[in-house]
PDB file of N, CA and C in Angstrom:
ATOM      1  N   MET A   1     126.687 243.350 -30.542  1.00  0.00           N
ATOM      2  CA  MET A   1     126.291 243.959 -29.293  1.00  0.00           C
ATOM      3  C   MET A   1     125.415 245.172 -29.533  1.00  0.00           C
ATOM      4  N   PHE A   2     125.772 246.059 -30.465  1.00  0.00           N
ATOM      5  CA  PHE A   2     125.009 247.280 -30.666  1.00  0.00           C
ATOM      6  C   PHE A   2     124.166 247.233 -31.926  1.00  0.00           C
ATOM      7  N   ASN A   3     123.953 246.051 -32.489  1.00  0.00           N
ATOM      8  CA  ASN A   3     123.141 245.953 -33.692  1.00  0.00           C
ATOM      9  C   ASN A   3     121.805 245.292 -33.420  1.00  0.00           C
ATOM     10  N   GLU A   4     121.465 245.101 -32.143  1.00  0.00           N
ATOM     11  CA  GLU A   4     120.197 244.509 -31.768  1.00  0.00           C
ATOM     12  C   GLU A   4     119.396 245.511 -30.952  1.00  0.00           C
ATOM     13  N   SER A   5     118.088 245.505 -31.129  1.00  0.00           N
ATOM     14  CA  SER A   5     117.219 246.375 -30.330  1.00  0.00           C
ATOM     15  C   SER A   5     116.904 245.687 -29.020  1.00  0.00           C
ATOM     16  N   PRO A   6     116.733 246.360 -27.945  1.00  0.00           N
ATOM     17  CA  PRO A   6     117.061 247.777 -27.771  1.00  0.00           C
ATOM     18  C   PRO A   6     118.556 247.955 -27.506  1.00  0.00           C
ATOM     19  N   ILE A   7     119.107 249.051 -27.971  1.00  0.00           N
ATOM     20  CA  ILE A   7     120.526 249.317 -27.728  1.00  0.00           C
ATOM     21  C   ILE A   7     120.742 249.664 -26.263  1.00  0.00           C
ATOM     22  N   LEU A   8     119.923 250.556 -25.722  1.00  0.00           N
ATOM     23  CA  LEU A   8     119.999 250.884 -24.294  1.00  0.00           C
ATOM     24  C   LEU A   8     119.039 249.977 -23.537  1.00  0.00           C
ATOM     25  N   ARG A   9     119.529 249.410 -22.460  1.00  0.00           N
ATOM     26  CA  ARG A   9     118.701 248.537 -21.638  1.00  0.00           C
ATOM     27  C   ARG A   9     118.583 249.132 -20.239  1.00  0.00           C
ATOM     28  N   PRO A  10     117.593 248.707 -19.488  1.00  0.00           N
ATOM     29  CA  PRO A  10     117.426 249.243 -18.125  1.00  0.00           C
ATOM     30  C   PRO A  10     118.627 248.911 -17.243  1.00  0.00           C
ATOM     31  N   ILE A  11     118.925 249.800 -16.328  1.00  0.00           N
ATOM     32  CA  ILE A  11     120.021 249.602 -15.377  1.00  0.00           C
ATOM     33  C   ILE A  11     119.604 248.586 -14.339  1.00  0.00           C
ATOM     34  N   ASN A  12     120.507 247.661 -14.035  1.00  0.00           N
ATOM     35  CA  ASN A  12     120.286 246.699 -12.961  1.00  0.00           C
ATOM     36  C   ASN A  12     121.100 247.184 -11.765  1.00  0.00           C
ATOM     37  N   PRO A  13     120.448 247.726 -10.743  1.00  0.00           N
ATOM     38  CA  PRO A  13     121.194 248.296  -9.612  1.00  0.00           C
ATOM     39  C   PRO A  13     122.041 247.290  -8.854  1.00  0.00           C
ATOM     40  N   SER A  14     121.781 246.001  -9.019  1.00  0.00           N
ATOM     41  CA  SER A  14     122.556 245.005  -8.275  1.00  0.00           C
ATOM     42  C   SER A  14     123.729 244.433  -9.074  1.00  0.00           C
ATOM     43  N   SER A  15     123.882 244.820 -10.330  1.00  0.00           N
ATOM     44  CA  SER A  15     124.981 244.310 -11.162  1.00  0.00           C
ATOM     45  C   SER A  15     126.157 245.277 -11.188  1.00  0.00           C
ATOM     46  N   PRO A  16     127.379 244.750 -11.334  1.00  0.00           N
ATOM     47  CA  PRO A  16     128.547 245.630 -11.469  1.00  0.00           C
ATOM     48  C   PRO A  16     128.453 246.469 -12.748  1.00  0.00           C
ATOM     49  N   LEU A  17     129.205 247.551 -12.773  1.00  0.00           N
ATOM     50  CA  LEU A  17     129.245 248.446 -13.928  1.00  0.00           C
ATOM     51  C   LEU A  17     130.584 248.363 -14.628  1.00  0.00           C
ATOM     52  N   ALA A  18     130.566 248.532 -15.922  1.00  0.00           N
ATOM     53  CA  ALA A  18     131.778 248.731 -16.712  1.00  0.00           C
ATOM     54  C   ALA A  18     131.622 250.097 -17.367  1.00  0.00           C
ATOM     55  N   ILE A  19     132.647 250.924 -17.269  1.00  0.00           N
ATOM     56  CA  ILE A  19     132.588 252.264 -17.837  1.00  0.00           C
ATOM     57  C   ILE A  19     133.714 252.435 -18.845  1.00  0.00           C
ATOM     58  N   VAL A  20     133.350 252.906 -20.024  1.00  0.00           N
ATOM     59  CA  VAL A  20     134.316 253.285 -21.049  1.00  0.00           C
ATOM     60  C   VAL A  20     134.251 254.806 -21.114  1.00  0.00           C
ATOM     61  N   ALA A  21     135.378 255.460 -20.869  1.00  0.00           N
ATOM     62  CA  ALA A  21     135.413 256.928 -20.887  1.00  0.00           C
ATOM     63  C   ALA A  21     136.600 257.382 -21.716  1.00  0.00           C
ATOM     64  N   ASP A  22     136.413 258.485 -22.415  1.00  0.00           N
ATOM     65  CA  ASP A  22     137.492 259.021 -23.231  1.00  0.00           C
ATOM     66  C   ASP A  22     137.407 260.535 -23.215  1.00  0.00           C
ATOM     67  N   GLY A  23     138.558 261.175 -23.191  1.00  0.00           N
ATOM     68  CA  GLY A  23     138.615 262.623 -23.208  1.00  0.00           C
ATOM     69  C   GLY A  23     139.645 263.098 -24.215  1.00  0.00           C
ATOM     70  N   SER A  24     139.328 264.193 -24.876  1.00  0.00           N
ATOM     71  CA  SER A  24     140.265 264.795 -25.823  1.00  0.00           C
ATOM     72  C   SER A  24     140.064 266.305 -25.769  1.00  0.00           C
ATOM     73  N   SER A  25     140.864 267.033 -26.525  1.00  0.00           N
ATOM     74  CA  SER A  25     140.718 268.481 -26.534  1.00  0.00           C
ATOM     75  C   SER A  25     139.394 268.904 -27.177  1.00  0.00           C
ATOM     76  N   HIS A  26     138.730 267.996 -27.864  1.00  0.00           N
ATOM     77  CA  HIS A  26     137.441 268.308 -28.495  1.00  0.00           C
ATOM     78  C   HIS A  26     136.260 268.047 -27.572  1.00  0.00           C
ATOM     79  N   GLY A  27     136.401 267.076 -26.667  1.00  0.00           N
ATOM     80  CA  GLY A  27     135.276 266.775 -25.791  1.00  0.00           C
ATOM     81  C   GLY A  27     135.474 265.508 -24.981  1.00  0.00           C
ATOM     82  N   PHE A  28     134.436 265.160 -24.243  1.00  0.00           N
ATOM     83  CA  PHE A  28     134.425 263.997 -23.362  1.00  0.00           C
ATOM     84  C   PHE A  28     133.299 263.066 -23.806  1.00  0.00           C
ATOM     85  N   SER A  29     133.524 261.771 -23.698  1.00  0.00           N
ATOM     86  CA  SER A  29     132.457 260.809 -23.982  1.00  0.00           C
ATOM     87  C   SER A  29     132.569 259.662 -22.986  1.00  0.00           C
ATOM     88  N   TRP A  30     131.451 259.043 -22.719  1.00  0.00           N
ATOM     89  CA  TRP A  30     131.429 257.926 -21.779  1.00  0.00           C
ATOM     90  C   TRP A  30     130.236 257.031 -22.085  1.00  0.00           C
ATOM     91  N   GLU A  31     130.373 255.802 -21.625  1.00  0.00           N
ATOM     92  CA  GLU A  31     129.312 254.816 -21.766  1.00  0.00           C
ATOM     93  C   GLU A  31     129.389 253.884 -20.564  1.00  0.00           C
ATOM     94  N   ALA A  32     128.257 253.580 -19.991  1.00  0.00           N
ATOM     95  CA  ALA A  32     128.187 252.605 -18.903  1.00  0.00           C
ATOM     96  C   ALA A  32     127.562 251.331 -19.449  1.00  0.00           C
ATOM     97  N   LEU A  33     128.166 250.210 -19.099  1.00  0.00           N
ATOM     98  CA  LEU A  33     127.742 248.902 -19.602  1.00  0.00           C
ATOM     99  C   LEU A  33     127.488 247.955 -18.433  1.00  0.00           C
ATOM    100  N   GLN A  34     126.603 246.998 -18.647  1.00  0.00           N
ATOM    101  CA  GLN A  34     126.367 245.932 -17.682  1.00  0.00           C
ATOM    102  C   GLN A  34     126.175 244.623 -18.431  1.00  0.00           C
ATOM    103  N   ASN A  35     126.436 243.523 -17.742  1.00  0.00           N
ATOM    104  CA  ASN A  35     126.210 242.200 -18.324  1.00  0.00           C
ATOM    105  C   ASN A  35     124.723 241.868 -18.281  1.00  0.00           C
ATOM    106  N   ASP A  36     124.240 241.208 -19.336  1.00  0.00           N
ATOM    107  CA  ASP A  36     122.859 240.751 -19.350  1.00  0.00           C
ATOM    108  C   ASP A  36     122.800 239.296 -18.886  1.00  0.00           C
ATOM    109  N   ASP A  37     121.665 238.672 -19.083  1.00  0.00           N
ATOM    110  CA  ASP A  37     121.481 237.277 -18.653  1.00  0.00           C
ATOM    111  C   ASP A  37     122.404 236.307 -19.369  1.00  0.00           C
ATOM    112  N   LYS A  38     122.853 236.671 -20.583  1.00  0.00           N
ATOM    113  CA  LYS A  38     123.760 235.826 -21.367  1.00  0.00           C
ATOM    114  C   LYS A  38     125.217 236.177 -21.109  1.00  0.00           C
ATOM    115  N   ASP A  39     125.466 237.015 -20.111  1.00  0.00           N
ATOM    116  CA  ASP A  39     126.806 237.475 -19.735  1.00  0.00           C
ATOM    117  C   ASP A  39     127.475 238.291 -20.851  1.00  0.00           C
ATOM    118  N   GLU A  40     126.669 239.000 -21.634  1.00  0.00           N
ATOM    119  CA  GLU A  40     127.179 239.890 -22.669  1.00  0.00           C
ATOM    120  C   GLU A  40     126.972 241.329 -22.220  1.00  0.00           C
ATOM    121  N   LEU A  41     127.970 242.177 -22.488  1.00  0.00           N
ATOM    122  CA  LEU A  41     127.849 243.585 -22.120  1.00  0.00           C
ATOM    123  C   LEU A  41     126.830 244.292 -23.000  1.00  0.00           C
ATOM    124  N   HIS A  42     126.030 245.142 -22.391  1.00  0.00           N
ATOM    125  CA  HIS A  42     125.108 245.987 -23.135  1.00  0.00           C
ATOM    126  C   HIS A  42     125.110 247.380 -22.500  1.00  0.00           C
ATOM    127  N   ALA A  43     124.779 248.373 -23.303  1.00  0.00           N
ATOM    128  CA  ALA A  43     124.791 249.762 -22.847  1.00  0.00           C
ATOM    129  C   ALA A  43     123.583 250.055 -21.963  1.00  0.00           C
ATOM    130  N   VAL A  44     123.831 250.774 -20.859  1.00  0.00           N
ATOM    131  CA  VAL A  44     122.736 251.232 -20.006  1.00  0.00           C
ATOM    132  C   VAL A  44     122.631 252.758 -20.008  1.00  0.00           C
ATOM    133  N   THR A  45     123.705 253.441 -20.346  1.00  0.00           N
ATOM    134  CA  THR A  45     123.675 254.894 -20.481  1.00  0.00           C
ATOM    135  C   THR A  45     124.916 255.345 -21.240  1.00  0.00           C
ATOM    136  N   PHE A  46     124.840 256.518 -21.816  1.00  0.00           N
ATOM    137  CA  PHE A  46     126.000 257.093 -22.486  1.00  0.00           C
ATOM    138  C   PHE A  46     125.849 258.607 -22.479  1.00  0.00           C
ATOM    139  N   GLY A  47     126.934 259.294 -22.756  1.00  0.00           N
ATOM    140  CA  GLY A  47     126.874 260.748 -22.798  1.00  0.00           C
ATOM    141  C   GLY A  47     128.116 261.342 -23.438  1.00  0.00           C
ATOM    142  N   ALA A  48     128.022 262.625 -23.718  1.00  0.00           N
ATOM    143  CA  ALA A  48     129.142 263.362 -24.301  1.00  0.00           C
ATOM    144  C   ALA A  48     128.996 264.823 -23.923  1.00  0.00           C
ATOM    145  N   LYS A  49     130.110 265.518 -23.920  1.00  0.00           N
ATOM    146  CA  LYS A  49     130.128 266.933 -23.553  1.00  0.00           C
ATOM    147  C   LYS A  49     131.328 267.574 -24.223  1.00  0.00           C
ATOM    148  N   ALA A  50     131.126 268.744 -24.804  1.00  0.00           N
ATOM    149  CA  ALA A  50     132.230 269.470 -25.434  1.00  0.00           C
ATOM    150  C   ALA A  50     133.120 270.099 -24.369  1.00  0.00           C
ATOM    151  N   THR A  51     134.380 270.264 -24.680  1.00  0.00           N
ATOM    152  CA  THR A  51     135.299 270.933 -23.762  1.00  0.00           C
ATOM    153  C   THR A  51     135.135 272.450 -23.880  1.00  0.00           C
ATOM    154  N   THR A  52     135.480 273.129 -22.797  1.00  0.00           N
ATOM    155  CA  THR A  52     135.531 274.587 -22.823  1.00  0.00           C
ATOM    156  C   THR A  52     136.879 275.007 -23.400  1.00  0.00           C
ATOM    157  N   LYS A  53     137.038 276.277 -23.678  1.00  0.00           N
ATOM    158  CA  LYS A  53     138.326 276.756 -24.199  1.00  0.00           C
ATOM    159  C   LYS A  53     139.442 276.480 -23.206  1.00  0.00           C
ATOM    160  N   GLN A  54     139.158 276.629 -21.914  1.00  0.00           N
ATOM    161  CA  GLN A  54     140.176 276.361 -20.897  1.00  0.00           C
ATOM    162  C   GLN A  54     140.518 274.879 -20.838  1.00  0.00           C
ATOM    163  N   GLN A  55     139.508 274.007 -20.909  1.00  0.00           N
ATOM    164  CA  GLN A  55     139.743 272.563 -20.841  1.00  0.00           C
ATOM    165  C   GLN A  55     140.526 272.054 -22.046  1.00  0.00           C
ATOM    166  N   GLN A  56     140.435 272.732 -23.166  1.00  0.00           N
ATOM    167  CA  GLN A  56     141.162 272.304 -24.358  1.00  0.00           C
ATOM    168  C   GLN A  56     142.671 272.349 -24.146  1.00  0.00           C
ATOM    169  N   MET A  57     143.121 273.078 -23.131  1.00  0.00           N
ATOM    170  CA  MET A  57     144.555 273.174 -22.839  1.00  0.00           C
ATOM    171  C   MET A  57     145.003 272.173 -21.774  1.00  0.00           C
ATOM    172  N   TYR A  58     144.087 271.379 -21.218  1.00  0.00           N
ATOM    173  CA  TYR A  58     144.427 270.409 -20.188  1.00  0.00           C
ATOM    174  C   TYR A  58     145.247 269.272 -20.790  1.00  0.00           C
ATOM    175  N   PRO A  59     146.117 268.649 -19.990  1.00  0.00           N
ATOM    176  CA  PRO A  59     146.845 267.462 -20.466  1.00  0.00           C
ATOM    177  C   PRO A  59     145.889 266.271 -20.625  1.00  0.00           C
ATOM    178  N   ALA A  60     146.328 265.288 -21.404  1.00  0.00           N
ATOM    179  CA  ALA A  60     145.487 264.140 -21.751  1.00  0.00           C
ATOM    180  C   ALA A  60     144.975 263.383 -20.524  1.00  0.00           C
ATOM    181  N   ASP A  61     145.819 263.207 -19.497  1.00  0.00           N
ATOM    182  CA  ASP A  61     145.361 262.444 -18.337  1.00  0.00           C
ATOM    183  C   ASP A  61     144.250 263.164 -17.585  1.00  0.00           C
ATOM    184  N   GLU A  62     144.287 264.499 -17.539  1.00  0.00           N
ATOM    185  CA  GLU A  62     143.217 265.243 -16.876  1.00  0.00           C
ATOM    186  C   GLU A  62     141.926 265.176 -17.687  1.00  0.00           C
ATOM    187  N   LEU A  63     142.032 265.252 -19.009  1.00  0.00           N
ATOM    188  CA  LEU A  63     140.845 265.132 -19.856  1.00  0.00           C
ATOM    189  C   LEU A  63     140.204 263.761 -19.684  1.00  0.00           C
ATOM    190  N   GLU A  64     141.026 262.738 -19.610  1.00  0.00           N
ATOM    191  CA  GLU A  64     140.523 261.375 -19.424  1.00  0.00           C
ATOM    192  C   GLU A  64     139.859 261.230 -18.053  1.00  0.00           C
ATOM    193  N   ALA A  65     140.458 261.815 -17.026  1.00  0.00           N
ATOM    194  CA  ALA A  65     139.883 261.751 -15.682  1.00  0.00           C
ATOM    195  C   ALA A  65     138.559 262.511 -15.607  1.00  0.00           C
ATOM    196  N   ILE A  66     138.464 263.628 -16.301  1.00  0.00           N
ATOM    197  CA  ILE A  66     137.208 264.384 -16.317  1.00  0.00           C
ATOM    198  C   ILE A  66     136.113 263.575 -17.016  1.00  0.00           C
ATOM    199  N   ALA A  67     136.452 262.899 -18.099  1.00  0.00           N
ATOM    200  CA  ALA A  67     135.476 262.042 -18.782  1.00  0.00           C
ATOM    201  C   ALA A  67     134.975 260.955 -17.839  1.00  0.00           C
ATOM    202  N   LEU A  68     135.882 260.369 -17.066  1.00  0.00           N
ATOM    203  CA  LEU A  68     135.492 259.361 -16.082  1.00  0.00           C
ATOM    204  C   LEU A  68     134.607 259.978 -15.003  1.00  0.00           C
ATOM    205  N   MET A  69     134.935 261.196 -14.576  1.00  0.00           N
ATOM    206  CA  MET A  69     134.123 261.884 -13.576  1.00  0.00           C
ATOM    207  C   MET A  69     132.694 262.080 -14.093  1.00  0.00           C
ATOM    208  N   PHE A  70     132.552 262.534 -15.349  1.00  0.00           N
ATOM    209  CA  PHE A  70     131.214 262.716 -15.919  1.00  0.00           C
ATOM    210  C   PHE A  70     130.463 261.387 -15.972  1.00  0.00           C
ATOM    211  N   ALA A  71     131.158 260.315 -16.315  1.00  0.00           N
ATOM    212  CA  ALA A  71     130.517 258.997 -16.360  1.00  0.00           C
ATOM    213  C   ALA A  71     130.012 258.595 -14.983  1.00  0.00           C
ATOM    214  N   LEU A  72     130.838 258.771 -13.965  1.00  0.00           N
ATOM    215  CA  LEU A  72     130.433 258.408 -12.605  1.00  0.00           C
ATOM    216  C   LEU A  72     129.324 259.311 -12.090  1.00  0.00           C
ATOM    217  N   MET A  73     129.373 260.582 -12.438  1.00  0.00           N
ATOM    218  CA  MET A  73     128.301 261.496 -12.029  1.00  0.00           C
ATOM    219  C   MET A  73     126.976 261.094 -12.665  1.00  0.00           C
ATOM    220  N   SER A  74     127.012 260.629 -13.907  1.00  0.00           N
ATOM    221  CA  SER A  74     125.769 260.239 -14.574  1.00  0.00           C
ATOM    222  C   SER A  74     125.180 258.969 -13.965  1.00  0.00           C
ATOM    223  N   MET A  75     126.022 258.181 -13.311  1.00  0.00           N
ATOM    224  CA  MET A  75     125.578 256.927 -12.703  1.00  0.00           C
ATOM    225  C   MET A  75     125.643 256.985 -11.183  1.00  0.00           C
ATOM    226  N   GLY A  76     125.804 258.176 -10.614  1.00  0.00           N
ATOM    227  CA  GLY A  76     126.052 258.359  -9.192  1.00  0.00           C
ATOM    228  C   GLY A  76     125.318 257.438  -8.242  1.00  0.00           C
ATOM    229  N   PRO A  77     123.979 257.496  -8.189  1.00  0.00           N
ATOM    230  CA  PRO A  77     123.267 256.667  -7.206  1.00  0.00           C
ATOM    231  C   PRO A  77     123.471 255.170  -7.421  1.00  0.00           C
ATOM    232  N   VAL A  78     123.713 254.755  -8.653  1.00  0.00           N
ATOM    233  CA  VAL A  78     123.903 253.337  -8.945  1.00  0.00           C
ATOM    234  C   VAL A  78     125.358 252.919  -8.721  1.00  0.00           C
ATOM    235  N   ALA A  79     126.306 253.836  -9.019  1.00  0.00           N
ATOM    236  CA  ALA A  79     127.726 253.487  -8.989  1.00  0.00           C
ATOM    237  C   ALA A  79     128.332 253.511  -7.587  1.00  0.00           C
ATOM    238  N   VAL A  80     127.747 254.270  -6.673  1.00  0.00           N
ATOM    239  CA  VAL A  80     128.333 254.396  -5.342  1.00  0.00           C
ATOM    240  C   VAL A  80     128.339 253.034  -4.646  1.00  0.00           C
ATOM    241  N   HIS A  81     129.475 252.689  -4.052  1.00  0.00           N
ATOM    242  CA  HIS A  81     129.657 251.437  -3.310  1.00  0.00           C
ATOM    243  C   HIS A  81     129.432 250.203  -4.178  1.00  0.00           C
ATOM    244  N   LYS A  82     129.822 250.284  -5.436  1.00  0.00           N
ATOM    245  CA  LYS A  82     129.635 249.190  -6.380  1.00  0.00           C
ATOM    246  C   LYS A  82     130.961 248.906  -7.072  1.00  0.00           C
ATOM    247  N   GLU A  83     131.150 247.682  -7.482  1.00  0.00           N
ATOM    248  CA  GLU A  83     132.313 247.331  -8.283  1.00  0.00           C
ATOM    249  C   GLU A  83     132.193 248.013  -9.643  1.00  0.00           C
ATOM    250  N   VAL A  84     133.236 248.768 -10.001  1.00  0.00           N
ATOM    251  CA  VAL A  84     133.237 249.496 -11.276  1.00  0.00           C
ATOM    252  C   VAL A  84     134.494 249.121 -12.050  1.00  0.00           C
ATOM    253  N   LEU A  85     134.303 248.568 -13.237  1.00  0.00           N
ATOM    254  CA  LEU A  85     135.404 248.267 -14.142  1.00  0.00           C
ATOM    255  C   LEU A  85     135.540 249.464 -15.071  1.00  0.00           C
ATOM    256  N   VAL A  86     136.706 250.082 -15.095  1.00  0.00           N
ATOM    257  CA  VAL A  86     136.940 251.237 -15.950  1.00  0.00           C
ATOM    258  C   VAL A  86     137.866 250.825 -17.078  1.00  0.00           C
ATOM    259  N   MET A  87     137.441 251.080 -18.305  1.00  0.00           N
ATOM    260  CA  MET A  87     138.258 250.783 -19.482  1.00  0.00           C
ATOM    261  C   MET A  87     138.749 252.102 -20.058  1.00  0.00           C
ATOM    262  N   THR A  88     140.048 252.241 -20.121  1.00  0.00           N
ATOM    263  CA  THR A  88     140.645 253.487 -20.575  1.00  0.00           C
ATOM    264  C   THR A  88     141.875 253.200 -21.421  1.00  0.00           C
ATOM    265  N   ASP A  89     142.236 254.162 -22.252  1.00  0.00           N
ATOM    266  CA  ASP A  89     143.464 254.034 -23.029  1.00  0.00           C
ATOM    267  C   ASP A  89     144.564 254.923 -22.462  1.00  0.00           C
ATOM    268  N   ASN A  90     144.349 255.464 -21.263  1.00  0.00           N
ATOM    269  CA  ASN A  90     145.312 256.370 -20.652  1.00  0.00           C
ATOM    270  C   ASN A  90     145.941 255.693 -19.441  1.00  0.00           C
ATOM    271  N   ILE A  91     147.216 255.340 -19.553  1.00  0.00           N
ATOM    272  CA  ILE A  91     147.897 254.589 -18.497  1.00  0.00           C
ATOM    273  C   ILE A  91     148.002 255.367 -17.190  1.00  0.00           C
ATOM    274  N   GLN A  92     147.937 256.689 -17.252  1.00  0.00           N
ATOM    275  CA  GLN A  92     148.059 257.485 -16.028  1.00  0.00           C
ATOM    276  C   GLN A  92     146.854 257.296 -15.102  1.00  0.00           C
ATOM    277  N   LEU A  93     145.747 256.782 -15.613  1.00  0.00           N
ATOM    278  CA  LEU A  93     144.576 256.551 -14.765  1.00  0.00           C
ATOM    279  C   LEU A  93     144.640 255.216 -14.026  1.00  0.00           C
ATOM    280  N   PHE A  94     145.624 254.381 -14.333  1.00  0.00           N
ATOM    281  CA  PHE A  94     145.724 253.091 -13.656  1.00  0.00           C
ATOM    282  C   PHE A  94     145.887 253.230 -12.143  1.00  0.00           C
ATOM    283  N   HIS A  95     146.438 254.328 -11.668  1.00  0.00           N
ATOM    284  CA  HIS A  95     146.631 254.503 -10.229  1.00  0.00           C
ATOM    285  C   HIS A  95     145.309 254.626  -9.481  1.00  0.00           C
ATOM    286  N   LEU A  96     144.193 254.852 -10.165  1.00  0.00           N
ATOM    287  CA  LEU A  96     142.904 254.962  -9.481  1.00  0.00           C
ATOM    288  C   LEU A  96     142.537 253.677  -8.753  1.00  0.00           C
ATOM    289  N   GLY A  97     143.031 252.562  -9.231  1.00  0.00           N
ATOM    290  CA  GLY A  97     142.755 251.293  -8.572  1.00  0.00           C
ATOM    291  C   GLY A  97     143.372 251.195  -7.189  1.00  0.00           C
ATOM    292  N   MET A  98     144.334 252.059  -6.900  1.00  0.00           N
ATOM    293  CA  MET A  98     145.002 252.066  -5.595  1.00  0.00           C
ATOM    294  C   MET A  98     144.634 253.296  -4.773  1.00  0.00           C
ATOM    295  N   TRP A  99     143.678 254.093  -5.248  1.00  0.00           N
ATOM    296  CA  TRP A  99     143.332 255.349  -4.593  1.00  0.00           C
ATOM    297  C   TRP A  99     142.750 255.104  -3.208  1.00  0.00           C
ATOM    298  N   GLN A 100     143.261 255.827  -2.234  1.00  0.00           N
ATOM    299  CA  GLN A 100     142.764 255.771  -0.862  1.00  0.00           C
ATOM    300  C   GLN A 100     142.294 257.163  -0.468  1.00  0.00           C
ATOM    301  N   SER A 101     141.115 257.256   0.125  1.00  0.00           N
ATOM    302  CA  SER A 101     140.625 258.563   0.532  1.00  0.00           C
ATOM    303  C   SER A 101     141.465 259.086   1.698  1.00  0.00           C
ATOM    304  N   ILE A 102     141.752 260.378   1.679  1.00  0.00           N
ATOM    305  CA  ILE A 102     142.543 260.986   2.754  1.00  0.00           C
ATOM    306  C   ILE A 102     141.785 262.104   3.451  1.00  0.00           C
ATOM    307  N   MET A 103     140.642 262.492   2.887  1.00  0.00           N
ATOM    308  CA  MET A 103     139.843 263.551   3.485  1.00  0.00           C
ATOM    309  C   MET A 103     138.484 262.987   3.875  1.00  0.00           C
ATOM    310  N   HIS A 104     137.885 263.564   4.880  1.00  0.00           N
ATOM    311  CA  HIS A 104     136.617 263.078   5.421  1.00  0.00           C
ATOM    312  C   HIS A 104     135.542 262.951   4.328  1.00  0.00           C
ATOM    313  N   GLY A 105     135.345 263.959   3.494  1.00  0.00           N
ATOM    314  CA  GLY A 105     134.303 263.953   2.475  1.00  0.00           C
ATOM    315  C   GLY A 105     134.523 262.950   1.371  1.00  0.00           C
ATOM    316  N   GLN A 106     135.756 262.502   1.186  1.00  0.00           N
ATOM    317  CA  GLN A 106     136.036 261.566   0.105  1.00  0.00           C
ATOM    318  C   GLN A 106     135.488 260.178   0.381  1.00  0.00           C
ATOM    319  N   ASN A 107     135.203 259.869   1.628  1.00  0.00           N
ATOM    320  CA  ASN A 107     134.649 258.553   1.933  1.00  0.00           C
ATOM    321  C   ASN A 107     133.298 258.350   1.272  1.00  0.00           C
ATOM    322  N   ASP A 108     132.570 259.439   0.983  1.00  0.00           N
ATOM    323  CA  ASP A 108     131.287 259.341   0.303  1.00  0.00           C
ATOM    324  C   ASP A 108     131.456 258.996  -1.167  1.00  0.00           C
ATOM    325  N   LEU A 109     132.677 259.083  -1.675  1.00  0.00           N
ATOM    326  CA  LEU A 109     132.939 258.842  -3.087  1.00  0.00           C
ATOM    327  C   LEU A 109     133.586 257.489  -3.316  1.00  0.00           C
ATOM    328  N   ASP A 110     133.286 256.522  -2.501  1.00  0.00           N
ATOM    329  CA  ASP A 110     133.875 255.196  -2.624  1.00  0.00           C
ATOM    330  C   ASP A 110     133.204 254.431  -3.756  1.00  0.00           C
ATOM    331  N   TYR A 111     133.762 254.524  -4.964  1.00  0.00           N
ATOM    332  CA  TYR A 111     133.192 253.838  -6.108  1.00  0.00           C
ATOM    333  C   TYR A 111     133.764 252.444  -6.285  1.00  0.00           C
ATOM    334  N   GLY A 112     134.710 252.027  -5.463  1.00  0.00           N
ATOM    335  CA  GLY A 112     135.222 250.669  -5.530  1.00  0.00           C
ATOM    336  C   GLY A 112     135.909 250.334  -6.838  1.00  0.00           C
ATOM    337  N   PHE A 113     136.859 251.138  -7.262  1.00  0.00           N
ATOM    338  CA  PHE A 113     137.611 250.809  -8.478  1.00  0.00           C
ATOM    339  C   PHE A 113     138.411 249.541  -8.212  1.00  0.00           C
ATOM    340  N   VAL A 114     138.122 248.493  -8.947  1.00  0.00           N
ATOM    341  CA  VAL A 114     138.832 247.248  -8.700  1.00  0.00           C
ATOM    342  C   VAL A 114     139.783 246.898  -9.839  1.00  0.00           C
ATOM    343  N   THR A 115     139.428 247.252 -11.044  1.00  0.00           N
ATOM    344  CA  THR A 115     140.254 246.883 -12.186  1.00  0.00           C
ATOM    345  C   THR A 115     140.209 248.003 -13.208  1.00  0.00           C
ATOM    346  N   LEU A 116     141.338 248.342 -13.734  1.00  0.00           N
ATOM    347  CA  LEU A 116     141.394 249.281 -14.841  1.00  0.00           C
ATOM    348  C   LEU A 116     142.149 248.605 -15.961  1.00  0.00           C
ATOM    349  N   LYS A 117     141.587 248.573 -17.138  1.00  0.00           N
ATOM    350  CA  LYS A 117     142.217 247.921 -18.273  1.00  0.00           C
ATOM    351  C   LYS A 117     142.322 248.905 -19.423  1.00  0.00           C
ATOM    352  N   ALA A 118     143.331 248.737 -20.229  1.00  0.00           N
ATOM    353  CA  ALA A 118     143.474 249.579 -21.422  1.00  0.00           C
ATOM    354  C   ALA A 118     142.608 249.020 -22.524  1.00  0.00           C
ATOM    355  N   LYS A 119     141.882 249.897 -23.223  1.00  0.00           N
ATOM    356  CA  LYS A 119     141.099 249.435 -24.355  1.00  0.00           C
ATOM    357  C   LYS A 119     141.986 249.392 -25.595  1.00  0.00           C
ATOM    358  N   ALA A 120     141.661 248.512 -26.498  1.00  0.00           N
ATOM    359  CA  ALA A 120     142.457 248.344 -27.709  1.00  0.00           C
ATOM    360  C   ALA A 120     142.345 249.584 -28.582  1.00  0.00           C
ATOM    361  N   THR A 121     143.458 249.947 -29.222  1.00  0.00           N
ATOM    362  CA  THR A 121     143.411 251.107 -30.104  1.00  0.00           C
ATOM    363  C   THR A 121     143.567 250.672 -31.546  1.00  0.00           C
TER     364      THR A 121
END
């Protein structure tokens, strides 16, 4: 998958997204993937960010959620109102698949989480 050129491919706004996000006391990383014509996942964007001194004290589930937030922010215009598959190794994020907005402004953040799966460790 990542040994063929080009590694990053153009984003297809009409295709679903798969996001791999990870957070630790050292930093956050994320990658957005989409299926190509052969139904194989390929990278469309990726990113990383170091944690602040305050964030280094956050619990693992909050670090993981922040990594997911950065991933969604990087794909904002494409990810809104789209099916998003999130792959995570943090079981506490599984509840996002059942998240219901309760405040007026949250309706604008409907990313359509449909499936959350644990990635292999």
